[in-house]
Amino acid sequence: MRVTRRYRFAASHRLHSAAFTDDQNRELYGKCSNPYGHGHDYVLDVTAVGPVNAASGQAVHVPTLDRLVSEQVLRDFDHRYLNVDISEFKTAVPTSENIIQVIEDRLSARWAEAFPGEWPRLEGIRLRETKRNVFELRS
């Protein structure tokens, strides 16, 4: 059984790499390299997979998943300037590809603590940055 839970957060970022000149950053990232940054209303889908527990009738205890995502992602990411407020982006460019990887790393680091045992497993993460830009990472 797959269970996907949807979350939302708003954050701003600037796509800019210290490895490139300002001109190279503008060429690579376009308007997203604006020195003042820009924001998105992100939609985050977290998918877990596992068998349905006969006693509870559930594959995933949703309040536990909600707590994990809140503590590891939403608390730090919501209404933040990612370049400054998130330690992982002090050196990495906060592209959606990197954002989704950081989210996966954070959830995976605490998954076994939240869900002891073999099930459920984190199967994937989907991040919608805009209506046209969607990123997926499967564990």
Foldseek 3Di string as FASTA:
>chain_A
DKDKDKDKAKEWEAQDAPVDDPVVSCVVPPPSNPVVTDMFTKMKIWMKDADQDPVPRHQDDVVLVVVQCCVQPRVQGHHYHCCPRPVVNVHPGPDVVVVQVSSVVSSVVCVCVSPPDDDIGGAKMKMDRDPPDIDIDGD
